[in-house]
Amino acid sequence: MTDLQTAFYIIGIIFFVLWIFFGLMLIAFFVRVRTSIERFQQNVKDRVNDVFEMIGIVVPKYIIRRIKEWSREIRGEE
């Protein structure tokens, strides 16, 4: 092989190795992004569930209190 062929051969090997490296890095990046999105979605679901639990605890107490007040008003009690 001539010096030019050897140079192209070495450059080809370097580009092939870099191509594999960047491909693996790209795959790792997308896997990380996907897990981050899944974690974010789970956090949002947990927060929404917490809010609905709080509403589920607070709202019935408020409704019960209002019913008691209305029943007192209906009976004429103060």
C-alpha atoms as a PDB file:
ATOM      1  CA  MET A   1       0.000   0.000   0.000  1.00  0.00           C
ATOM      2  CA  THR A   2       1.111   3.482  -0.685  1.00  0.00           C
ATOM      3  CA  ASP A   3       1.316   6.169   1.941  1.00  0.00           C
ATOM      4  CA  LEU A   4      -1.913   7.734   0.662  1.00  0.00           C
ATOM      5  CA  GLN A   5      -3.834   4.447   0.964  1.00  0.00           C
ATOM      6  CA  THR A   6      -2.473   3.933   4.471  1.00  0.00           C
ATOM      7  CA  ALA A   7      -3.532   7.446   5.460  1.00  0.00           C
ATOM      8  CA  PHE A   8      -7.073   6.905   4.119  1.00  0.00           C
ATOM      9  CA  TYR A   9      -7.220   3.508   5.848  1.00  0.00           C
ATOM     10  CA  ILE A  10      -6.266   5.051   9.199  1.00  0.00           C
ATOM     11  CA  ILE A  11      -8.666   7.976   8.708  1.00  0.00           C
ATOM     12  CA  GLY A  12     -11.430   5.479   7.850  1.00  0.00           C
ATOM     13  CA  ILE A  13     -10.783   3.502  11.037  1.00  0.00           C
ATOM     14  CA  ILE A  14     -10.810   6.701  13.110  1.00  0.00           C
ATOM     15  CA  PHE A  15     -14.111   7.846  11.572  1.00  0.00           C
ATOM     16  CA  PHE A  16     -15.635   4.384  12.079  1.00  0.00           C
ATOM     17  CA  VAL A  17     -14.661   4.372  15.763  1.00  0.00           C
ATOM     18  CA  LEU A  18     -15.980   7.915  16.207  1.00  0.00           C
ATOM     19  CA  TRP A  19     -19.214   6.976  14.420  1.00  0.00           C
ATOM     20  CA  ILE A  20     -19.755   4.039  16.799  1.00  0.00           C
ATOM     21  CA  PHE A  21     -18.867   6.213  19.805  1.00  0.00           C
ATOM     22  CA  PHE A  22     -21.285   8.993  18.857  1.00  0.00           C
ATOM     23  CA  GLY A  23     -23.982   6.456  18.021  1.00  0.00           C
ATOM     24  CA  LEU A  24     -23.676   4.918  21.468  1.00  0.00           C
ATOM     25  CA  MET A  25     -23.668   8.372  23.062  1.00  0.00           C
ATOM     26  CA  LEU A  26     -26.817   9.269  21.126  1.00  0.00           C
ATOM     27  CA  ILE A  27     -28.538   6.077  22.289  1.00  0.00           C
ATOM     28  CA  ALA A  28     -27.502   6.788  25.891  1.00  0.00           C
ATOM     29  CA  PHE A  29     -28.804  10.348  25.565  1.00  0.00           C
ATOM     30  CA  PHE A  30     -32.228   9.223  24.327  1.00  0.00           C
ATOM     31  CA  VAL A  31     -32.465   6.561  27.037  1.00  0.00           C
ATOM     32  CA  ARG A  32     -31.676   9.197  29.650  1.00  0.00           C
ATOM     33  CA  VAL A  33     -34.209  11.625  28.183  1.00  0.00           C
ATOM     34  CA  ARG A  34     -36.860   8.908  28.155  1.00  0.00           C
ATOM     35  CA  THR A  35     -36.227   7.977  31.784  1.00  0.00           C
ATOM     36  CA  SER A  36     -36.265  11.671  32.727  1.00  0.00           C
ATOM     37  CA  ILE A  37     -39.614  12.105  30.985  1.00  0.00           C
ATOM     38  CA  GLU A  38     -40.998   9.007  32.720  1.00  0.00           C
ATOM     39  CA  ARG A  39     -39.751  10.273  36.086  1.00  0.00           C
ATOM     40  CA  PHE A  40     -41.311  13.698  35.392  1.00  0.00           C
ATOM     41  CA  GLN A  41     -44.633  12.082  34.436  1.00  0.00           C
ATOM     42  CA  GLN A  42     -44.586   9.992  37.628  1.00  0.00           C
ATOM     43  CA  ASN A  43     -43.852  13.103  39.714  1.00  0.00           C
ATOM     44  CA  VAL A  44     -46.760  14.917  38.067  1.00  0.00           C
ATOM     45  CA  LYS A  45     -49.062  11.950  38.703  1.00  0.00           C
ATOM     46  CA  ASP A  46     -47.961  11.828  42.352  1.00  0.00           C
ATOM     47  CA  ARG A  47     -48.552  15.566  42.799  1.00  0.00           C
ATOM     48  CA  VAL A  48     -51.977  15.365  41.147  1.00  0.00           C
ATOM     49  CA  ASN A  49     -52.881  12.403  43.357  1.00  0.00           C
ATOM     50  CA  ASP A  50     -51.733  14.356  46.422  1.00  0.00           C
ATOM     51  CA  VAL A  51     -53.881  17.323  45.406  1.00  0.00           C
ATOM     52  CA  PHE A  52     -56.919  15.108  44.859  1.00  0.00           C
ATOM     53  CA  GLU A  53     -56.316  13.405  48.199  1.00  0.00           C
ATOM     54  CA  MET A  54     -56.213  16.812  49.892  1.00  0.00           C
ATOM     55  CA  ILE A  55     -59.374  17.835  48.045  1.00  0.00           C
ATOM     56  CA  GLY A  56     -60.950  14.512  49.001  1.00  0.00           C
ATOM     57  CA  ILE A  57     -60.179  15.203  52.655  1.00  0.00           C
ATOM     58  CA  VAL A  58     -60.984  18.933  52.745  1.00  0.00           C
ATOM     59  CA  VAL A  59     -64.076  19.056  50.530  1.00  0.00           C
ATOM     60  CA  PRO A  60     -66.143  16.403  52.379  1.00  0.00           C
ATOM     61  CA  LYS A  61     -65.358  18.115  55.708  1.00  0.00           C
ATOM     62  CA  TYR A  62     -66.503  21.427  54.249  1.00  0.00           C
ATOM     63  CA  ILE A  63     -69.651  19.826  52.834  1.00  0.00           C
ATOM     64  CA  ILE A  64     -70.448  18.136  56.156  1.00  0.00           C
ATOM     65  CA  ARG A  65     -69.913  21.435  57.991  1.00  0.00           C
ATOM     66  CA  ARG A  66     -72.175  23.267  55.536  1.00  0.00           C
ATOM     67  CA  ILE A  67     -74.888  20.586  55.860  1.00  0.00           C
ATOM     68  CA  LYS A  68     -74.770  20.927  59.642  1.00  0.00           C
ATOM     69  CA  GLU A  69     -75.060  24.711  59.310  1.00  0.00           C
ATOM     70  CA  TRP A  70     -77.966  24.403  56.880  1.00  0.00           C
ATOM     71  CA  SER A  71     -79.741  21.912  59.117  1.00  0.00           C
ATOM     72  CA  ARG A  72     -79.344  24.324  62.059  1.00  0.00           C
ATOM     73  CA  GLU A  73     -80.725  27.154  59.909  1.00  0.00           C
ATOM     74  CA  ILE A  74     -83.656  24.998  58.835  1.00  0.00           C
ATOM     75  CA  ARG A  75     -84.412  24.011  62.442  1.00  0.00           C
ATOM     76  CA  GLY A  76     -84.006  27.620  63.513  1.00  0.00           C
ATOM     77  CA  GLU A  77     -81.116  26.997  65.875  1.00  0.00           C
ATOM     78  CA  GLU A  78     -78.313  29.505  66.302  1.00  0.00           C
END
